[in-house]
Structure formats: structure tokens, C-alpha cells
N, C-alpha and C. Protein backbone atom coordinates (compact mmCIF):
# COMPACT_ATOMS: atom_id res chain seq x y z
N MET A 1 -22.42 -46.68 50.87
CA MET A 1 -22.58 -45.62 49.87
C MET A 1 -21.26 -45.44 49.13
N PRO A 2 -21.29 -45.55 47.80
CA PRO A 2 -20.03 -45.44 47.05
C PRO A 2 -19.44 -44.04 47.15
N ALA A 3 -18.11 -44.01 47.15
CA ALA A 3 -17.43 -42.72 47.24
C ALA A 3 -17.64 -41.93 45.96
N LYS A 4 -17.78 -40.61 46.13
CA LYS A 4 -17.97 -39.74 44.97
C LYS A 4 -16.68 -39.67 44.16
N LYS A 5 -16.86 -39.71 42.83
CA LYS A 5 -15.69 -39.58 41.97
C LYS A 5 -15.19 -38.14 41.99
N LYS A 6 -13.87 -38.02 42.06
CA LYS A 6 -13.27 -36.68 42.09
C LYS A 6 -13.32 -36.07 40.71
N LYS A 7 -13.85 -34.87 40.63
CA LYS A 7 -13.94 -34.19 39.34
C LYS A 7 -12.54 -33.75 38.90
N PRO A 8 -12.28 -33.84 37.61
CA PRO A 8 -10.96 -33.40 37.13
C PRO A 8 -10.80 -31.89 37.29
N ASN A 9 -9.61 -31.50 37.65
CA ASN A 9 -9.31 -30.07 37.82
C ASN A 9 -8.85 -29.52 36.47
N ASN A 10 -9.78 -28.98 35.72
CA ASN A 10 -9.47 -28.54 34.37
C ASN A 10 -8.43 -27.44 34.33
N LYS A 11 -8.48 -26.54 35.30
CA LYS A 11 -7.50 -25.44 35.33
C LYS A 11 -6.09 -25.99 35.51
N SER A 12 -5.97 -26.93 36.43
CA SER A 12 -4.66 -27.54 36.68
C SER A 12 -4.17 -28.29 35.46
N ASP A 13 -5.09 -29.05 34.84
CA ASP A 13 -4.73 -29.82 33.65
C ASP A 13 -4.27 -28.90 32.52
N ASN A 14 -4.97 -27.77 32.34
CA ASN A 14 -4.61 -26.84 31.27
C ASN A 14 -3.24 -26.24 31.51
N LYS A 15 -2.94 -25.94 32.78
CA LYS A 15 -1.63 -25.38 33.10
C LYS A 15 -0.53 -26.37 32.76
N LYS A 16 -0.77 -27.65 33.09
CA LYS A 16 0.24 -28.67 32.81
C LYS A 16 0.46 -28.81 31.31
N ILE A 17 -0.65 -28.80 30.56
CA ILE A 17 -0.53 -28.94 29.11
C ILE A 17 0.26 -27.77 28.54
N GLY A 18 -0.09 -26.56 29.00
CA GLY A 18 0.61 -25.38 28.51
C GLY A 18 2.08 -25.41 28.83
N LYS A 19 2.40 -25.83 30.03
CA LYS A 19 3.80 -25.89 30.45
C LYS A 19 4.58 -26.91 29.63
N ASN A 20 3.99 -28.09 29.46
CA ASN A 20 4.68 -29.14 28.72
C ASN A 20 4.83 -28.80 27.24
N GLN A 21 3.89 -28.03 26.73
CA GLN A 21 3.95 -27.64 25.32
C GLN A 21 5.24 -26.88 25.02
N TRP A 22 5.68 -26.06 25.96
CA TRP A 22 6.88 -25.26 25.75
C TRP A 22 8.16 -26.01 26.10
N ALA A 23 8.04 -26.95 27.00
CA ALA A 23 9.24 -27.68 27.47
C ALA A 23 9.55 -28.83 26.52
N ASP A 24 9.92 -28.49 25.27
CA ASP A 24 10.20 -29.53 24.29
C ASP A 24 11.64 -30.00 24.40
N HIS A 25 12.06 -30.86 23.48
CA HIS A 25 13.38 -31.47 23.59
C HIS A 25 14.51 -30.45 23.42
N LEU A 26 14.27 -29.38 22.63
CA LEU A 26 15.31 -28.37 22.46
C LEU A 26 15.49 -27.53 23.72
N THR A 27 14.39 -27.33 24.43
CA THR A 27 14.49 -26.63 25.71
C THR A 27 15.34 -27.44 26.69
N GLN A 28 15.10 -28.73 26.72
CA GLN A 28 15.86 -29.61 27.60
C GLN A 28 17.33 -29.68 27.17
N ARG A 29 17.56 -29.71 25.87
CA ARG A 29 18.93 -29.75 25.36
C ARG A 29 19.68 -28.47 25.72
N ALA A 30 19.01 -27.33 25.57
CA ALA A 30 19.64 -26.05 25.91
C ALA A 30 20.03 -26.02 27.39
N LYS A 31 19.16 -26.51 28.22
CA LYS A 31 19.44 -26.56 29.65
C LYS A 31 20.64 -27.45 29.93
N ALA A 32 20.71 -28.59 29.26
CA ALA A 32 21.82 -29.53 29.45
C ALA A 32 23.14 -28.93 28.97
N GLU A 33 23.08 -28.07 27.96
CA GLU A 33 24.29 -27.48 27.40
C GLU A 33 24.58 -26.09 27.96
N ASN A 34 23.86 -25.74 29.05
CA ASN A 34 24.09 -24.50 29.79
C ASN A 34 23.79 -23.23 28.99
N TYR A 35 22.77 -23.31 28.15
CA TYR A 35 22.25 -22.12 27.48
C TYR A 35 20.92 -21.76 28.13
N PRO A 36 20.63 -20.47 28.31
CA PRO A 36 19.39 -20.09 29.01
C PRO A 36 18.12 -20.25 28.19
N ALA A 37 18.24 -20.45 26.86
CA ALA A 37 17.04 -20.59 26.04
C ALA A 37 17.32 -21.40 24.78
N ARG A 38 16.27 -21.99 24.23
CA ARG A 38 16.37 -22.83 23.04
C ARG A 38 16.70 -22.02 21.78
N SER A 39 16.61 -20.70 21.85
CA SER A 39 16.89 -19.85 20.68
C SER A 39 18.31 -20.00 20.18
N ILE A 40 19.20 -20.55 21.01
CA ILE A 40 20.58 -20.82 20.61
C ILE A 40 20.61 -21.62 19.31
N TYR A 41 19.69 -22.56 19.15
CA TYR A 41 19.75 -23.47 18.01
C TYR A 41 19.29 -22.81 16.71
N LYS A 42 18.53 -21.74 16.81
CA LYS A 42 18.18 -20.96 15.62
C LYS A 42 19.44 -20.29 15.07
N LEU A 43 20.19 -19.65 15.95
CA LEU A 43 21.41 -18.98 15.52
C LEU A 43 22.45 -20.00 15.05
N GLU A 44 22.50 -21.14 15.69
CA GLU A 44 23.43 -22.18 15.28
C GLU A 44 23.12 -22.64 13.84
N GLU A 45 21.84 -22.84 13.55
CA GLU A 45 21.45 -23.22 12.18
C GLU A 45 21.81 -22.13 11.17
N ILE A 46 21.57 -20.89 11.54
CA ILE A 46 21.89 -19.76 10.66
C ILE A 46 23.39 -19.70 10.40
N GLN A 47 24.19 -19.85 11.45
CA GLN A 47 25.64 -19.80 11.31
C GLN A 47 26.16 -20.97 10.46
N ASN A 48 25.64 -22.15 10.69
CA ASN A 48 26.09 -23.32 9.93
C ASN A 48 25.78 -23.19 8.44
N LYS A 49 24.66 -22.57 8.12
CA LYS A 49 24.24 -22.46 6.73
C LYS A 49 24.83 -21.24 6.01
N PHE A 50 24.93 -20.11 6.73
CA PHE A 50 25.29 -18.86 6.06
C PHE A 50 26.65 -18.27 6.48
N LYS A 51 27.24 -18.81 7.55
CA LYS A 51 28.56 -18.33 8.00
C LYS A 51 28.58 -16.81 8.17
N VAL A 52 27.66 -16.31 8.96
CA VAL A 52 27.56 -14.85 9.13
C VAL A 52 28.64 -14.30 10.07
N MET A 53 29.21 -15.15 10.93
CA MET A 53 30.25 -14.72 11.87
C MET A 53 31.54 -15.48 11.62
N LYS A 54 32.66 -14.81 11.92
CA LYS A 54 33.96 -15.48 11.82
C LYS A 54 34.84 -15.02 12.97
N LYS A 55 35.99 -15.66 13.11
CA LYS A 55 36.91 -15.34 14.19
C LYS A 55 37.30 -13.86 14.14
N ASN A 56 37.41 -13.26 15.32
CA ASN A 56 37.85 -11.88 15.53
C ASN A 56 36.80 -10.83 15.14
N ASP A 57 35.59 -11.25 14.78
CA ASP A 57 34.53 -10.30 14.44
C ASP A 57 34.08 -9.51 15.66
N GLN A 58 33.55 -8.32 15.38
CA GLN A 58 32.86 -7.50 16.37
C GLN A 58 31.36 -7.65 16.10
N VAL A 59 30.60 -8.12 17.10
CA VAL A 59 29.19 -8.46 16.91
C VAL A 59 28.32 -7.64 17.85
N LEU A 60 27.21 -7.13 17.33
CA LEU A 60 26.21 -6.44 18.15
C LEU A 60 24.94 -7.27 18.12
N ASP A 61 24.44 -7.63 19.30
CA ASP A 61 23.24 -8.48 19.45
C ASP A 61 22.11 -7.64 20.02
N LEU A 62 21.10 -7.35 19.20
CA LEU A 62 19.96 -6.55 19.62
C LEU A 62 18.86 -7.46 20.16
N GLY A 63 18.36 -7.13 21.35
CA GLY A 63 17.37 -7.99 21.98
C GLY A 63 18.02 -9.26 22.50
N CYS A 64 19.12 -9.08 23.24
CA CYS A 64 20.01 -10.20 23.58
C CYS A 64 19.54 -11.08 24.73
N ALA A 65 18.57 -10.63 25.53
CA ALA A 65 18.11 -11.44 26.67
C ALA A 65 17.40 -12.70 26.17
N PRO A 66 17.56 -13.82 26.86
CA PRO A 66 18.28 -14.02 28.14
C PRO A 66 19.78 -14.31 28.00
N GLY A 67 20.32 -14.32 26.75
CA GLY A 67 21.76 -14.42 26.61
C GLY A 67 22.30 -15.57 25.79
N SER A 68 21.44 -16.42 25.26
CA SER A 68 21.92 -17.58 24.50
C SER A 68 22.72 -17.17 23.27
N TRP A 69 22.22 -16.16 22.54
CA TRP A 69 22.93 -15.72 21.34
C TRP A 69 24.28 -15.08 21.69
N LEU A 70 24.34 -14.42 22.83
CA LEU A 70 25.61 -13.83 23.28
C LEU A 70 26.66 -14.93 23.47
N LEU A 71 26.26 -15.99 24.16
CA LEU A 71 27.19 -17.08 24.44
C LEU A 71 27.65 -17.76 23.15
N TYR A 72 26.71 -18.00 22.25
CA TYR A 72 27.07 -18.68 21.00
C TYR A 72 27.96 -17.78 20.13
N ALA A 73 27.61 -16.51 20.03
CA ALA A 73 28.41 -15.58 19.22
C ALA A 73 29.83 -15.45 19.79
N ALA A 74 29.95 -15.46 21.10
CA ALA A 74 31.26 -15.35 21.73
C ALA A 74 32.17 -16.51 21.32
N LYS A 75 31.60 -17.70 21.20
CA LYS A 75 32.38 -18.86 20.77
C LYS A 75 32.80 -18.73 19.31
N GLN A 76 31.92 -18.16 18.50
CA GLN A 76 32.21 -18.05 17.07
C GLN A 76 33.32 -17.03 16.78
N VAL A 77 33.34 -15.94 17.52
CA VAL A 77 34.33 -14.88 17.24
C VAL A 77 35.64 -15.12 17.97
N GLY A 78 35.63 -15.97 19.00
CA GLY A 78 36.86 -16.27 19.73
C GLY A 78 37.29 -15.17 20.68
N GLY A 79 38.37 -15.42 21.39
CA GLY A 79 38.83 -14.52 22.43
C GLY A 79 39.24 -13.14 21.94
N ARG A 80 39.66 -13.04 20.69
CA ARG A 80 40.05 -11.74 20.14
C ARG A 80 38.88 -11.00 19.49
N GLY A 81 37.74 -11.66 19.40
CA GLY A 81 36.53 -11.01 18.92
C GLY A 81 35.81 -10.35 20.09
N ARG A 82 34.72 -9.66 19.78
CA ARG A 82 33.99 -8.98 20.84
C ARG A 82 32.50 -9.01 20.51
N VAL A 83 31.69 -9.21 21.55
CA VAL A 83 30.23 -9.24 21.39
C VAL A 83 29.61 -8.26 22.38
N ILE A 84 28.78 -7.38 21.88
CA ILE A 84 28.04 -6.45 22.72
C ILE A 84 26.55 -6.71 22.54
N GLY A 85 25.84 -6.84 23.64
CA GLY A 85 24.41 -7.07 23.59
C GLY A 85 23.64 -5.94 24.23
N ILE A 86 22.44 -5.72 23.74
CA ILE A 86 21.57 -4.69 24.32
C ILE A 86 20.15 -5.23 24.41
N ASP A 87 19.50 -4.95 25.54
CA ASP A 87 18.13 -5.42 25.74
C ASP A 87 17.48 -4.57 26.83
N LEU A 88 16.15 -4.53 26.79
CA LEU A 88 15.41 -3.84 27.85
C LEU A 88 15.49 -4.59 29.17
N LYS A 89 15.79 -5.90 29.09
CA LYS A 89 15.90 -6.73 30.28
C LYS A 89 17.36 -6.95 30.66
N SER A 90 17.60 -7.16 31.93
CA SER A 90 18.95 -7.44 32.40
C SER A 90 19.34 -8.87 32.04
N ILE A 91 20.64 -9.08 31.81
CA ILE A 91 21.18 -10.41 31.57
C ILE A 91 21.63 -10.98 32.90
N GLU A 92 21.07 -12.12 33.26
CA GLU A 92 21.32 -12.70 34.58
C GLU A 92 22.44 -13.73 34.58
N ILE A 93 22.83 -14.22 33.41
CA ILE A 93 23.84 -15.27 33.37
C ILE A 93 25.25 -14.70 33.38
N LYS A 94 26.22 -15.52 33.72
CA LYS A 94 27.63 -15.12 33.67
C LYS A 94 28.07 -15.11 32.21
N LEU A 95 28.73 -14.03 31.81
CA LEU A 95 29.14 -13.87 30.43
C LEU A 95 30.65 -14.02 30.28
N PRO A 96 31.11 -14.50 29.12
CA PRO A 96 32.56 -14.61 28.87
C PRO A 96 33.23 -13.23 28.89
N ASP A 97 34.54 -13.23 28.96
CA ASP A 97 35.29 -11.97 29.04
C ASP A 97 35.14 -11.11 27.80
N ASN A 98 34.86 -11.71 26.66
CA ASN A 98 34.76 -10.94 25.42
C ASN A 98 33.33 -10.49 25.11
N VAL A 99 32.45 -10.54 26.13
CA VAL A 99 31.05 -10.15 25.95
C VAL A 99 30.67 -9.07 26.96
N MET A 100 29.92 -8.08 26.49
CA MET A 100 29.35 -7.07 27.37
C MET A 100 27.88 -6.90 27.04
N ALA A 101 27.03 -6.85 28.04
CA ALA A 101 25.60 -6.65 27.84
C ALA A 101 25.15 -5.38 28.55
N VAL A 102 24.32 -4.62 27.87
CA VAL A 102 23.85 -3.33 28.39
C VAL A 102 22.33 -3.34 28.45
N LYS A 103 21.78 -2.88 29.56
CA LYS A 103 20.33 -2.75 29.69
C LYS A 103 19.94 -1.37 29.17
N ASP A 104 19.31 -1.34 28.00
CA ASP A 104 18.99 -0.06 27.38
C ASP A 104 17.99 -0.30 26.25
N ASN A 105 17.53 0.77 25.66
CA ASN A 105 16.61 0.72 24.53
C ASN A 105 17.38 1.05 23.26
N ILE A 106 17.16 0.30 22.19
CA ILE A 106 17.93 0.57 20.97
C ILE A 106 17.63 1.96 20.41
N LEU A 107 16.52 2.55 20.82
CA LEU A 107 16.22 3.91 20.37
C LEU A 107 17.21 4.92 20.94
N ASN A 108 17.92 4.51 22.00
CA ASN A 108 18.89 5.41 22.63
C ASN A 108 20.30 5.22 22.11
N LEU A 109 20.49 4.36 21.12
CA LEU A 109 21.85 4.01 20.70
C LEU A 109 22.64 5.21 20.21
N ASP A 110 21.99 6.16 19.58
CA ASP A 110 22.72 7.32 19.07
C ASP A 110 23.38 8.11 20.20
N ASN A 111 22.85 7.97 21.40
CA ASN A 111 23.39 8.72 22.53
C ASN A 111 24.36 7.92 23.38
N ASP A 112 24.61 6.66 23.00
CA ASP A 112 25.44 5.80 23.83
C ASP A 112 26.90 5.87 23.39
N SER A 113 27.71 6.47 24.22
CA SER A 113 29.12 6.67 23.87
C SER A 113 29.84 5.33 23.71
N PHE A 114 29.43 4.31 24.46
CA PHE A 114 30.12 3.02 24.38
C PHE A 114 29.98 2.41 22.99
N LEU A 115 28.84 2.66 22.33
CA LEU A 115 28.67 2.15 20.98
C LEU A 115 29.37 3.03 19.95
N ASN A 116 29.38 4.32 20.20
CA ASN A 116 30.08 5.22 19.29
C ASN A 116 31.57 4.89 19.25
N LYS A 117 32.09 4.38 20.34
CA LYS A 117 33.49 3.96 20.37
C LYS A 117 33.69 2.63 19.64
N ASN A 118 32.59 1.91 19.44
CA ASN A 118 32.68 0.58 18.81
C ASN A 118 31.97 0.54 17.46
N ARG A 119 31.90 1.65 16.78
CA ARG A 119 31.30 1.66 15.44
C ARG A 119 32.09 0.76 14.51
N GLY A 120 31.41 0.24 13.52
CA GLY A 120 32.09 -0.64 12.58
C GLY A 120 31.98 -2.09 12.98
N PHE A 121 30.78 -2.50 13.44
CA PHE A 121 30.56 -3.92 13.75
C PHE A 121 30.59 -4.73 12.46
N ASN A 122 31.11 -5.93 12.55
CA ASN A 122 31.12 -6.84 11.41
C ASN A 122 29.79 -7.55 11.23
N VAL A 123 29.09 -7.72 12.35
CA VAL A 123 27.81 -8.45 12.33
C VAL A 123 26.83 -7.78 13.29
N ILE A 124 25.59 -7.62 12.85
CA ILE A 124 24.52 -7.18 13.75
C ILE A 124 23.41 -8.24 13.71
N LEU A 125 23.06 -8.73 14.88
CA LEU A 125 22.03 -9.75 15.04
C LEU A 125 20.82 -9.13 15.72
N SER A 126 19.64 -9.47 15.26
CA SER A 126 18.42 -9.02 15.92
C SER A 126 17.44 -10.16 16.04
N ASP A 127 17.21 -10.59 17.27
CA ASP A 127 16.19 -11.60 17.55
C ASP A 127 15.03 -10.95 18.30
N MET A 128 14.89 -9.64 18.13
CA MET A 128 13.85 -8.90 18.85
C MET A 128 12.47 -9.33 18.39
N ALA A 129 11.55 -9.37 19.34
CA ALA A 129 10.16 -9.69 19.03
C ALA A 129 9.26 -8.86 19.94
N PRO A 130 8.12 -8.45 19.42
CA PRO A 130 7.20 -7.65 20.25
C PRO A 130 6.45 -8.52 21.24
N ALA A 131 5.89 -7.88 22.25
CA ALA A 131 4.96 -8.58 23.14
C ALA A 131 3.73 -8.91 22.31
N THR A 132 3.45 -10.20 22.15
CA THR A 132 2.38 -10.60 21.24
C THR A 132 0.99 -10.39 21.85
N THR A 133 0.04 -10.09 20.96
CA THR A 133 -1.34 -9.85 21.38
C THR A 133 -2.26 -11.00 21.00
N GLY A 134 -1.78 -11.89 20.10
CA GLY A 134 -2.63 -12.94 19.59
C GLY A 134 -3.33 -12.55 18.31
N ARG A 135 -3.27 -11.26 17.96
CA ARG A 135 -3.82 -10.79 16.69
C ARG A 135 -2.68 -10.70 15.68
N LYS A 136 -2.74 -11.53 14.66
CA LYS A 136 -1.61 -11.69 13.75
C LYS A 136 -1.20 -10.39 13.08
N ASN A 137 -2.17 -9.61 12.62
CA ASN A 137 -1.86 -8.38 11.92
C ASN A 137 -1.17 -7.37 12.83
N VAL A 138 -1.65 -7.28 14.07
CA VAL A 138 -1.06 -6.35 15.03
C VAL A 138 0.35 -6.79 15.39
N ASP A 139 0.52 -8.08 15.65
CA ASP A 139 1.85 -8.60 16.02
C ASP A 139 2.84 -8.42 14.86
N ALA A 140 2.38 -8.66 13.63
CA ALA A 140 3.26 -8.50 12.47
C ALA A 140 3.67 -7.05 12.29
N LEU A 141 2.74 -6.12 12.52
CA LEU A 141 3.06 -4.70 12.39
C LEU A 141 4.08 -4.27 13.44
N ARG A 142 3.91 -4.75 14.66
CA ARG A 142 4.87 -4.41 15.73
C ARG A 142 6.24 -5.00 15.42
N SER A 143 6.26 -6.21 14.89
CA SER A 143 7.53 -6.83 14.51
C SER A 143 8.19 -6.02 13.40
N PHE A 144 7.41 -5.56 12.44
CA PHE A 144 7.93 -4.74 11.34
C PHE A 144 8.58 -3.46 11.87
N GLU A 145 7.96 -2.85 12.87
CA GLU A 145 8.52 -1.62 13.47
C GLU A 145 9.85 -1.90 14.15
N LEU A 146 9.93 -3.02 14.86
CA LEU A 146 11.20 -3.39 15.51
C LEU A 146 12.29 -3.67 14.47
N CYS A 147 11.90 -4.32 13.39
CA CYS A 147 12.87 -4.63 12.33
C CYS A 147 13.40 -3.37 11.67
N ASN A 148 12.54 -2.39 11.50
CA ASN A 148 13.00 -1.12 10.94
C ASN A 148 14.00 -0.45 11.87
N MET A 149 13.77 -0.56 13.18
CA MET A 149 14.74 -0.03 14.15
C MET A 149 16.08 -0.75 14.00
N ALA A 150 16.02 -2.08 13.88
CA ALA A 150 17.24 -2.86 13.76
C ALA A 150 17.99 -2.51 12.48
N LEU A 151 17.26 -2.29 11.39
CA LEU A 151 17.89 -1.93 10.13
C LEU A 151 18.53 -0.54 10.22
N LYS A 152 17.90 0.36 10.96
CA LYS A 152 18.48 1.69 11.18
C LYS A 152 19.80 1.57 11.94
N VAL A 153 19.84 0.68 12.94
CA VAL A 153 21.08 0.44 13.67
C VAL A 153 22.15 -0.11 12.73
N ALA A 154 21.75 -1.02 11.85
CA ALA A 154 22.70 -1.56 10.88
C ALA A 154 23.23 -0.46 9.97
N ASP A 155 22.37 0.46 9.57
CA ASP A 155 22.80 1.61 8.76
C ASP A 155 23.89 2.41 9.48
N ASP A 156 23.68 2.60 10.77
CA ASP A 156 24.55 3.49 11.54
C ASP A 156 25.82 2.82 12.05
N PHE A 157 25.75 1.53 12.38
CA PHE A 157 26.84 0.90 13.11
C PHE A 157 27.51 -0.28 12.42
N LEU A 158 26.94 -0.76 11.34
CA LEU A 158 27.51 -1.92 10.65
C LEU A 158 28.55 -1.47 9.63
N ALA A 159 29.71 -2.13 9.65
CA ALA A 159 30.80 -1.80 8.73
C ALA A 159 30.45 -2.21 7.31
N GLN A 160 31.15 -1.63 6.35
CA GLN A 160 30.99 -2.03 4.96
C GLN A 160 31.31 -3.51 4.81
N ASN A 161 30.50 -4.21 4.03
CA ASN A 161 30.59 -5.67 3.83
C ASN A 161 30.16 -6.47 5.06
N GLY A 162 29.61 -5.79 6.06
CA GLY A 162 29.13 -6.49 7.26
C GLY A 162 27.85 -7.26 7.00
N ASN A 163 27.49 -8.12 7.95
CA ASN A 163 26.33 -9.01 7.82
C ASN A 163 25.25 -8.66 8.84
N PHE A 164 24.00 -8.93 8.46
CA PHE A 164 22.84 -8.54 9.27
C PHE A 164 21.87 -9.71 9.31
N VAL A 165 21.48 -10.11 10.52
CA VAL A 165 20.49 -11.18 10.71
C VAL A 165 19.33 -10.59 11.49
N CYS A 166 18.11 -10.74 10.96
CA CYS A 166 16.97 -10.09 11.61
C CYS A 166 15.74 -10.99 11.58
N LYS A 167 15.12 -11.16 12.75
CA LYS A 167 13.87 -11.91 12.84
C LYS A 167 12.70 -10.99 12.56
N ILE A 168 11.73 -11.50 11.78
CA ILE A 168 10.53 -10.73 11.51
C ILE A 168 9.34 -11.67 11.48
N PHE A 169 8.18 -11.19 11.94
CA PHE A 169 6.95 -11.97 11.83
C PHE A 169 6.37 -11.75 10.43
N GLN A 170 5.97 -12.82 9.78
CA GLN A 170 5.41 -12.70 8.43
C GLN A 170 4.06 -11.98 8.48
N GLY A 171 3.94 -10.97 7.62
CA GLY A 171 2.72 -10.18 7.57
C GLY A 171 2.70 -9.33 6.32
N ASN A 172 1.79 -8.36 6.28
CA ASN A 172 1.61 -7.54 5.08
C ASN A 172 2.85 -6.70 4.73
N ASP A 173 3.65 -6.36 5.74
CA ASP A 173 4.80 -5.49 5.51
C ASP A 173 6.10 -6.25 5.28
N PHE A 174 6.03 -7.56 5.24
CA PHE A 174 7.25 -8.35 5.10
C PHE A 174 7.99 -8.03 3.80
N ASN A 175 7.26 -7.97 2.70
CA ASN A 175 7.90 -7.71 1.40
C ASN A 175 8.55 -6.33 1.35
N VAL A 176 7.93 -5.38 2.01
CA VAL A 176 8.48 -4.02 2.07
C VAL A 176 9.82 -4.04 2.80
N PHE A 177 9.85 -4.73 3.93
CA PHE A 177 11.09 -4.78 4.71
C PHE A 177 12.18 -5.53 3.93
N GLN A 178 11.81 -6.65 3.32
CA GLN A 178 12.78 -7.41 2.55
C GLN A 178 13.36 -6.56 1.42
N LYS A 179 12.54 -5.77 0.77
CA LYS A 179 13.01 -4.90 -0.31
C LYS A 179 13.99 -3.86 0.23
N ASN A 180 13.70 -3.29 1.40
CA ASN A 180 14.59 -2.31 2.02
C ASN A 180 15.95 -2.93 2.33
N VAL A 181 15.93 -4.15 2.85
CA VAL A 181 17.18 -4.84 3.18
C VAL A 181 17.98 -5.12 1.91
N LYS A 182 17.30 -5.59 0.88
CA LYS A 182 17.98 -5.91 -0.38
C LYS A 182 18.67 -4.69 -0.98
N SER A 183 18.10 -3.52 -0.75
CA SER A 183 18.69 -2.30 -1.31
C SER A 183 20.00 -1.91 -0.63
N LYS A 184 20.24 -2.48 0.54
CA LYS A 184 21.41 -2.09 1.34
C LYS A 184 22.49 -3.16 1.40
N PHE A 185 22.18 -4.37 0.94
CA PHE A 185 23.12 -5.49 1.04
C PHE A 185 23.27 -6.19 -0.31
N LYS A 186 24.43 -6.81 -0.49
CA LYS A 186 24.71 -7.51 -1.74
C LYS A 186 23.92 -8.80 -1.85
N GLU A 187 23.70 -9.48 -0.72
CA GLU A 187 22.95 -10.74 -0.70
C GLU A 187 21.84 -10.65 0.34
N CYS A 188 20.71 -11.25 0.05
CA CYS A 188 19.61 -11.27 1.01
C CYS A 188 18.83 -12.58 0.85
N LYS A 189 18.77 -13.37 1.92
CA LYS A 189 18.09 -14.66 1.89
C LYS A 189 17.03 -14.71 2.99
N ILE A 190 16.02 -15.53 2.76
CA ILE A 190 14.98 -15.79 3.76
C ILE A 190 15.20 -17.20 4.27
N PHE A 191 15.10 -17.34 5.61
CA PHE A 191 15.41 -18.65 6.20
C PHE A 191 14.56 -18.86 7.45
N LYS A 192 13.97 -20.03 7.54
CA LYS A 192 13.26 -20.43 8.77
C LYS A 192 13.94 -21.65 9.35
N PRO A 193 14.67 -21.48 10.45
CA PRO A 193 15.37 -22.62 11.06
C PRO A 193 14.39 -23.73 11.46
N ASP A 194 14.87 -24.95 11.39
CA ASP A 194 14.05 -26.10 11.81
C ASP A 194 13.68 -26.02 13.29
N SER A 195 14.53 -25.31 14.07
CA SER A 195 14.29 -25.21 15.51
C SER A 195 13.22 -24.20 15.88
N CYS A 196 12.69 -23.44 14.91
CA CYS A 196 11.55 -22.57 15.19
C CYS A 196 10.33 -23.44 15.50
N ARG A 197 9.50 -22.97 16.39
CA ARG A 197 8.28 -23.71 16.69
C ARG A 197 7.38 -23.73 15.45
N LYS A 198 6.74 -24.85 15.21
CA LYS A 198 5.95 -25.05 14.00
C LYS A 198 4.86 -24.00 13.86
N GLN A 199 4.25 -23.60 14.98
CA GLN A 199 3.14 -22.66 14.92
C GLN A 199 3.60 -21.20 14.81
N SER A 200 4.91 -20.98 14.91
CA SER A 200 5.44 -19.62 14.90
C SER A 200 5.42 -19.01 13.50
N LYS A 201 5.12 -17.70 13.43
CA LYS A 201 5.13 -16.95 12.18
C LYS A 201 6.48 -16.26 11.95
N GLU A 202 7.44 -16.52 12.82
CA GLU A 202 8.73 -15.85 12.68
C GLU A 202 9.54 -16.44 11.54
N ILE A 203 10.34 -15.58 10.92
CA ILE A 203 11.24 -15.97 9.86
C ILE A 203 12.44 -15.04 9.94
N TYR A 204 13.55 -15.47 9.39
CA TYR A 204 14.77 -14.66 9.49
C TYR A 204 15.22 -14.18 8.12
N ILE A 205 15.65 -12.93 8.09
CA ILE A 205 16.29 -12.38 6.90
C ILE A 205 17.79 -12.38 7.14
N ILE A 206 18.52 -13.01 6.25
CA ILE A 206 19.98 -13.10 6.35
C ILE A 206 20.55 -12.23 5.24
N ALA A 207 21.17 -11.13 5.62
CA ALA A 207 21.73 -10.18 4.65
C ALA A 207 23.25 -10.13 4.81
N LYS A 208 23.94 -10.28 3.70
CA LYS A 208 25.41 -10.31 3.74
C LYS A 208 25.99 -9.26 2.79
N GLY A 209 27.08 -8.64 3.23
CA GLY A 209 27.78 -7.69 2.39
C GLY A 209 27.11 -6.34 2.33
N LYS A 210 27.17 -5.58 3.42
CA LYS A 210 26.57 -4.24 3.41
C LYS A 210 27.23 -3.38 2.33
N LYS A 211 26.41 -2.72 1.54
CA LYS A 211 26.93 -1.90 0.45
C LYS A 211 27.54 -0.60 0.99
């Protein structure tokens, strides 16, 4: 009697496909270069194209976990510069001496004495993203709300002529947010790094020269 053919385990196969889909070459490169996430290459592209950071700058990184942008920004500003990160999640990696990360909500920034002592940042970065639902309109609206929070932080803590980088999901409110940013900065560009996933709706607003 011939042996029965083993049925394929569809659940297992789907898990493997899903896992491999995310483990692309940039993920592997980030691991090899000791960065915790592939998002490093988005900021690298932004910096190479727009030069938003320079030596000795004071940088605030909103939504800094897992820490790739902190590490990259620290290299750009050098030992005399300073980078402060804030996120709802803890940073698990070892950080350079010129970097500090705080577990907190950006809504609490007005009450944080450590930031009040460091007002006048030269650069504010926001790679914040909402927990996605799979519904594009809902996700875009949540992203818009986070971006408005980030812009409020830029209003309060960014020095004159400072630069602002903010990720936003493209949606109905994108033009409204872009208009708000343009009203506060001398230059405003839209940029989608090549390292963004093709299926992603994220895009970055690069604003330079706070008025």
C-alpha cells in the first residue's frame, strides 16, 4: 500500500512567507552594520540629499525606538553635538555618550524639565507611526494626528532656522499638514526614500529654516 502524501502545512508556509517578506536585504545590512532596524537607511538618504543635520547640532528624535535614528544622528552631530530621543517604548541598545533616550509620551513634553533645559533644538526628527489597522483612511488620519503633535513640538522646541523631518501616511489630510508646515518654514520638500517599502504609504516632509 503506497504511503500517504503529506499534506502541506499552509499555516506554517504562510508564516515563513510573511517572515521572509520583511527580512529583506536592508534588514540584513542593518544587522551587519549594528543598527537595530532598516529605518536607518531612510534617514541616511534624507541626510545625504537635504543635509538636515550638521556637526555640533542639538537633535530631538520623536518616536526613537528601536534606536537606529539615534545612532545615525549621533554620528552626524559628533561628540560635541547632542541627541535626545523620546518614545513610548524603552531603548534596549547601548547608546553613545552624546545620546539620551527617555521613555515618555510626547504629549507630556511641556511638563518635562529635561527638555525645558534643552530648548532650542537645531533639528527635530519624527519617524512616528500609528499602530496600523489595515484601513487606509483610518491609518492616514492617525498618522495626521501624530504629525500635528510633532509639529507642535517643533513650534515649542525648535530654534529659529532649525530643521524638521516628519513621516506621514498619505491620505486626505496630507495637503492640510503640508500647508501648515510650509507656513512655518522657509523651505518644504516632499521625499520618499528608496529604502521605504514599495507597498508603504509613508512619505517624509523635509522642512528647513524655521521662521
